[in-house]
Amino acid sequence: MRIGLIAGNGQFPLLFSRAAREKGWEVYAAAYVNEAEPLLADTVTALEWLHLGQVKRLVRFFKRHGVDQAVMLGGIRKTRMFTDVRPDLKAISLIAGMRSTHDDGILSAFADALEADGIRIRASTFLLPELLAPEGCWTRRKPNRSENADLLLGCRLAKAIGRLDIGQCVVVGGGSVLAVEAIDGTDATIRRGAALGQGNAVVVKACKPNQDRRFDMPAVGAQTVATMAEAGATALAVECGQAVVFDRQDMIGLADRHGIAVVGIPMEEEDEPPIGRK
C-alpha cells in the first residue's frame, strides 16, 4: 500500500509517517522547504523537497512512484505566502480560477486539482483517529463559573469567525473578545489576548463550520498550554472530535502543573455546550 504525504511544518507529518510505516504503508513525502522537518527523510520511503507553488512537480513525484492517494498535513506559515512562493504554470492557472484566496478556498482548490490528476486526498486523521480530541474535562481543575461563561461566548464567536474563514481561535475575558486569530497564528493570538486580559483570559479553538476535514483541522498540544501558561491564560476549550491533539499526556501534565483547565466539548449549533461535563 502506498500513500502520499504533502508535508508542512509541525509534528503531524512525522507522527503520520511513523504510524503509516508501522501499519504497512509505504510513504512518499512531498515536503515544503523551510517548513517540513528534515527528520521526515528518516521515516518515509522517498522524499521530494518542494517550494510553495510547485504543483506540477508535486504531481510528477507522486505519479512517478505510483501514488494515487495522499494526505495534507502540517502548517505553512502564512507570512511565507507573500515572500517565498515559486508558482509554476499549473499553480498560476489554479489561482486564476479561484473565487476566494482564503485558507479554505486555497486548500480546497489545491485538493480538487490533485484529485483531477487522479490523486485522492484522504482525511488527515484516517490512520491516527486517536489524535482526535475527546469530550470531557481532561485536567484536575474544571473551569470555574466565570471561565465557563467566557468559554461559552468563545465557542459562539469561534464558530462565527470560522464561517468567515478568518481563523480557528479566539481569546475571551470578562465577557469581552480579547483577540481573534488572524495571519499571525494561534500562539500569537493567545499572547495578544492574554496580555489584554491580565490574568482573566480563556482560549477556544474550534473547527470552522464548513471546514473540509481532509486538511487544516484545528490542532493543540503541549506548546499551546506552554504559551497559555507564559501569557497568563487560565482555561482552554477544544472542539471534541473535530480537533487534533498532540502530546496529550504531556499537555495535560503541563496544564495541571500550571492550574490550567482544559476541556473537550461539542460545538455544534447548540445553545449551551456542556463545558464542565465529565
Protein backbone atom coordinates (compact mmCIF):
# COMPACT_ATOMS: atom_id res chain seq x y z
CA MET A 1 0.00 0.00 0.00
CA ARG A 2 1.26 3.45 -0.92
CA ILE A 3 0.29 6.84 0.44
CA GLY A 4 1.50 10.31 -0.47
CA LEU A 5 2.27 12.85 2.22
CA ILE A 6 2.20 16.59 1.49
CA ALA A 7 4.13 17.88 4.48
CA GLY A 8 4.22 21.29 6.10
CA ASN A 9 5.62 22.23 9.49
CA GLY A 10 4.98 20.73 12.93
CA GLN A 11 4.98 17.17 14.20
CA PHE A 12 1.86 15.87 12.44
CA PRO A 13 3.71 14.74 9.27
CA LEU A 14 6.26 12.85 11.39
CA LEU A 15 3.57 11.19 13.52
CA PHE A 16 1.67 10.18 10.41
CA SER A 17 4.65 8.78 8.54
CA ARG A 18 5.73 6.69 11.54
CA ALA A 19 2.21 5.36 12.11
CA ALA A 20 1.75 4.60 8.42
CA ARG A 21 5.03 2.68 8.27
CA GLU A 22 4.05 0.64 11.35
CA LYS A 23 0.76 -0.24 9.63
CA GLY A 24 2.47 -1.44 6.47
CA TRP A 25 2.18 1.62 4.25
CA GLU A 26 4.93 2.98 2.01
CA VAL A 27 5.03 6.76 2.45
CA TYR A 28 6.12 9.10 -0.34
CA ALA A 29 6.54 12.60 1.03
CA ALA A 30 6.46 15.90 -0.84
CA ALA A 31 7.88 18.28 1.77
CA TYR A 32 7.93 22.07 1.71
CA VAL A 33 11.32 23.73 2.05
CA ASN A 34 11.79 25.71 5.29
CA GLU A 35 8.62 24.18 6.70
CA ALA A 36 8.80 20.37 6.98
CA GLU A 37 11.13 18.70 9.48
CA PRO A 38 14.36 17.28 7.98
CA LEU A 39 13.81 14.19 10.20
CA LEU A 40 10.98 13.27 7.84
CA ALA A 41 13.58 11.80 5.50
CA ASP A 42 14.24 9.02 8.03
CA THR A 43 10.60 7.91 8.23
CA VAL A 44 9.49 7.74 4.58
CA THR A 45 10.21 5.59 1.54
CA ALA A 46 11.06 8.58 -0.66
CA LEU A 47 11.09 12.34 -0.18
CA GLU A 48 10.95 15.30 -2.56
CA TRP A 49 11.64 18.84 -1.32
CA LEU A 50 9.40 21.48 -2.91
CA HIS A 51 8.80 25.22 -2.76
CA LEU A 52 5.30 26.60 -2.38
CA GLY A 53 3.64 26.77 -5.78
CA GLN A 54 5.43 23.83 -7.40
CA VAL A 55 2.23 21.91 -8.07
CA LYS A 56 3.30 20.22 -11.31
CA ARG A 57 6.48 18.91 -9.70
CA LEU A 58 4.46 17.50 -6.79
CA VAL A 59 2.10 15.67 -9.14
CA ARG A 60 5.01 14.28 -11.15
CA PHE A 61 6.66 13.00 -7.96
CA PHE A 62 3.54 11.11 -6.89
CA LYS A 63 2.87 9.77 -10.39
CA ARG A 64 6.46 8.56 -10.71
CA HIS A 65 6.01 6.44 -7.58
CA GLY A 66 2.54 5.15 -8.42
CA VAL A 67 0.84 7.15 -5.64
CA ASP A 68 -2.88 7.68 -6.16
CA GLN A 69 -3.91 8.85 -2.66
CA ALA A 70 -2.37 11.35 -0.27
CA VAL A 71 -2.82 13.37 2.90
CA MET A 72 -2.07 17.05 3.53
CA LEU A 73 -0.53 17.54 6.97
CA GLY A 74 1.26 20.28 8.86
CA GLY A 75 1.05 24.03 8.60
CA ILE A 76 2.50 26.62 6.31
CA ARG A 77 3.43 29.92 7.92
CA LYS A 78 1.06 32.35 6.26
CA THR A 79 3.63 35.12 6.18
CA ARG A 80 5.72 32.98 3.79
CA MET A 81 2.91 33.02 1.27
CA PHE A 82 3.86 36.59 0.48
CA THR A 83 7.64 36.15 0.40
CA ASP A 84 8.65 32.61 -0.60
CA VAL A 85 6.45 31.28 -3.38
CA ARG A 86 7.56 29.87 -6.75
CA PRO A 87 4.33 29.26 -8.66
CA ASP A 88 4.54 27.13 -11.77
CA LEU A 89 2.07 27.40 -14.65
CA LYS A 90 -0.22 24.83 -13.04
CA ALA A 91 -0.32 26.85 -9.80
CA ILE A 92 -0.94 30.11 -11.66
CA SER A 93 -3.81 28.51 -13.56
CA LEU A 94 -5.22 27.18 -10.30
CA ILE A 95 -5.08 30.57 -8.58
CA ALA A 96 -6.55 32.38 -11.58
CA GLY A 97 -9.63 30.17 -11.43
CA MET A 98 -10.28 30.67 -7.72
CA ARG A 99 -13.13 32.78 -6.38
CA SER A 100 -11.57 33.10 -2.93
CA THR A 101 -7.99 33.19 -1.66
CA HIS A 102 -8.96 32.47 1.96
CA ASP A 103 -7.37 29.44 3.61
CA ASP A 104 -10.18 27.01 2.88
CA GLY A 105 -10.55 28.23 -0.69
CA ILE A 106 -6.87 27.73 -1.46
CA LEU A 107 -6.67 24.29 0.16
CA SER A 108 -9.91 23.04 -1.39
CA ALA A 109 -8.87 24.22 -4.84
CA PHE A 110 -5.46 22.56 -4.40
CA ALA A 111 -7.06 19.29 -3.26
CA ASP A 112 -9.55 19.38 -6.15
CA ALA A 113 -6.72 19.92 -8.63
CA LEU A 114 -4.83 16.91 -7.27
CA GLU A 115 -7.94 14.75 -7.40
CA ALA A 116 -8.48 15.82 -11.02
CA ASP A 117 -4.99 14.41 -11.64
CA GLY A 118 -6.01 11.10 -10.07
CA ILE A 119 -4.61 11.69 -6.56
CA ARG A 120 -7.31 11.25 -3.94
CA ILE A 121 -6.91 13.37 -0.81
CA ARG A 122 -7.66 11.41 2.36
CA ALA A 123 -8.72 12.75 5.76
CA SER A 124 -5.70 13.85 7.79
CA THR A 125 -6.62 11.52 10.69
CA PHE A 126 -7.57 8.40 8.75
CA LEU A 127 -4.59 6.47 10.19
CA LEU A 128 -4.49 8.33 13.53
CA PRO A 129 -8.07 8.62 14.87
CA GLU A 130 -6.69 8.53 18.42
CA LEU A 131 -5.41 12.08 17.94
CA LEU A 132 -8.93 13.50 17.82
CA ALA A 133 -9.91 15.48 20.92
CA PRO A 134 -12.10 13.50 23.37
CA GLU A 135 -15.11 15.01 25.12
CA GLY A 136 -14.94 16.00 28.79
CA CYS A 137 -12.63 17.74 31.23
CA TRP A 138 -9.06 16.48 30.78
CA THR A 139 -7.45 18.21 33.73
CA ARG A 140 -7.77 18.06 37.51
CA ARG A 141 -9.24 21.53 37.60
CA LYS A 142 -12.54 22.27 35.86
CA PRO A 143 -13.37 25.73 34.50
CA ASN A 144 -14.99 27.91 37.16
CA ARG A 145 -18.26 29.77 36.63
CA SER A 146 -16.64 32.86 35.14
CA GLU A 147 -14.43 30.81 32.83
CA ASN A 148 -17.45 28.74 31.76
CA ALA A 149 -19.29 31.88 30.72
CA ASP A 150 -16.30 33.13 28.73
CA LEU A 151 -15.73 29.73 27.12
CA LEU A 152 -19.38 29.59 26.08
CA LEU A 153 -19.08 33.01 24.49
CA GLY A 154 -15.81 31.93 22.87
CA CYS A 155 -17.48 28.87 21.34
CA ARG A 156 -20.07 31.02 19.62
CA LEU A 157 -17.51 33.54 18.46
CA ALA A 158 -15.13 30.85 17.17
CA LYS A 159 -17.90 29.44 15.00
CA ALA A 160 -18.79 32.94 13.79
CA ILE A 161 -15.24 33.81 12.70
CA GLY A 162 -14.94 30.32 11.23
CA ARG A 163 -17.88 30.96 8.93
CA LEU A 164 -15.97 33.96 7.59
CA ASP A 165 -12.81 31.81 7.19
CA ILE A 166 -10.83 34.17 9.44
CA GLY A 167 -9.32 31.73 11.93
CA GLN A 168 -9.96 28.93 14.42
CA CYS A 169 -9.02 30.52 17.75
CA VAL A 170 -10.45 33.26 19.97
CA VAL A 171 -9.42 34.61 23.37
CA VAL A 172 -12.12 35.92 25.71
CA GLY A 173 -12.02 37.52 29.15
CA GLY A 174 -14.67 39.08 31.36
CA GLY A 175 -17.29 38.72 28.63
CA SER A 176 -15.19 40.63 26.09
CA VAL A 177 -13.36 39.49 22.99
CA LEU A 178 -9.65 39.99 23.61
CA ALA A 179 -8.16 38.51 20.44
CA VAL A 180 -9.18 36.78 17.22
CA GLU A 181 -6.79 34.59 15.27
CA ALA A 182 -5.55 36.14 12.06
CA ILE A 183 -2.48 35.59 9.91
CA ASP A 184 -0.18 35.51 12.97
CA GLY A 185 -1.45 32.13 14.21
CA THR A 186 -2.72 30.62 17.47
CA ASP A 187 0.25 31.24 19.79
CA ALA A 188 0.44 34.91 18.85
CA THR A 189 -3.33 35.21 19.32
CA ILE A 190 -3.08 33.74 22.83
CA ARG A 191 -0.29 36.15 23.74
CA ARG A 192 -2.17 39.18 22.40
CA GLY A 193 -5.39 38.26 24.16
CA ALA A 194 -3.88 37.23 27.48
CA ALA A 195 -1.84 40.44 27.65
CA LEU A 196 -5.06 42.42 27.44
CA GLY A 197 -6.84 40.12 29.89
CA GLN A 198 -4.14 40.46 32.56
CA GLY A 199 -4.91 37.11 34.17
CA ASN A 200 -8.53 36.95 33.03
CA ALA A 201 -8.40 35.18 29.67
CA VAL A 202 -9.62 31.87 28.25
CA VAL A 203 -8.88 30.29 24.87
CA VAL A 204 -11.23 28.49 22.47
CA LYS A 205 -10.09 26.50 19.44
CA ALA A 206 -12.81 25.27 17.09
CA CYS A 207 -13.31 23.76 13.66
CA LYS A 208 -14.77 26.10 11.07
CA PRO A 209 -18.44 25.21 10.34
CA ASN A 210 -17.68 24.48 6.68
CA GLN A 211 -14.24 23.02 7.36
CA ASP A 212 -13.03 20.40 4.90
CA ARG A 213 -11.97 17.66 7.35
CA ARG A 214 -9.33 16.43 4.92
CA PHE A 215 -6.97 19.19 5.99
CA ASP A 216 -6.32 22.20 8.22
CA MET A 217 -8.11 20.77 11.26
CA PRO A 218 -7.62 22.74 14.50
CA ALA A 219 -4.63 21.48 16.48
CA VAL A 220 -3.48 21.94 20.06
CA GLY A 221 -0.75 20.39 22.17
CA ALA A 222 1.77 20.92 24.91
CA GLN A 223 3.07 24.03 23.13
CA THR A 224 -0.42 25.56 23.29
CA VAL A 225 -0.57 25.10 27.05
CA ALA A 226 3.01 26.34 27.47
CA THR A 227 2.07 29.53 25.63
CA MET A 228 -1.04 29.93 27.78
CA ALA A 229 0.96 29.48 30.99
CA GLU A 230 3.56 32.01 29.88
CA ALA A 231 0.90 34.52 28.81
CA GLY A 232 -1.45 34.03 31.78
CA ALA A 233 -4.49 32.38 30.15
CA THR A 234 -6.38 30.09 32.54
CA ALA A 235 -8.64 27.76 30.54
CA LEU A 236 -8.79 26.11 27.12
CA ALA A 237 -11.77 24.63 25.27
CA VAL A 238 -11.23 22.45 22.20
CA GLU A 239 -13.93 21.09 19.91
CA CYS A 240 -14.16 17.37 20.62
CA GLY A 241 -13.95 15.04 17.63
CA GLN A 242 -13.06 17.94 15.35
CA ALA A 243 -9.59 18.94 16.56
CA VAL A 244 -6.25 17.17 16.69
CA VAL A 245 -4.37 16.90 20.00
CA PHE A 246 -0.61 16.33 20.08
CA ASP A 247 1.35 15.17 23.14
CA ARG A 248 -1.91 14.80 25.06
CA GLN A 249 -0.44 13.39 28.26
CA ASP A 250 2.36 15.97 28.32
CA MET A 251 -0.20 18.65 27.59
CA ILE A 252 -2.43 17.57 30.49
CA GLY A 253 0.50 17.27 32.88
CA LEU A 254 1.70 20.75 31.99
CA ALA A 255 -1.82 22.17 32.38
CA ASP A 256 -2.19 20.54 35.82
CA ARG A 257 1.13 21.98 36.97
CA HIS A 258 0.00 25.48 36.00
CA GLY A 259 -3.61 25.12 37.18
CA ILE A 260 -4.99 25.50 33.66
CA ALA A 261 -8.36 23.86 32.92
CA VAL A 262 -8.63 22.02 29.59
CA VAL A 263 -11.89 20.65 28.21
CA GLY A 264 -13.08 18.99 25.02
CA ILE A 265 -16.63 20.00 24.14
CA PRO A 266 -19.09 19.66 21.26
CA MET A 267 -19.54 22.95 19.46
CA GLU A 268 -22.31 22.27 17.03
CA GLU A 269 -25.24 24.65 16.82
CA GLU A 270 -26.40 24.15 20.38
CA ASP A 271 -27.17 26.92 22.83
CA GLU A 272 -25.29 25.68 25.88
CA PRO A 273 -22.28 23.40 25.26
CA PRO A 274 -21.64 21.20 28.33
CA ILE A 275 -18.30 22.80 29.17
CA GLY A 276 -17.62 21.26 32.56
CA ARG A 277 -19.09 17.84 31.83
CA LYS A 278 -17.04 14.76 32.56
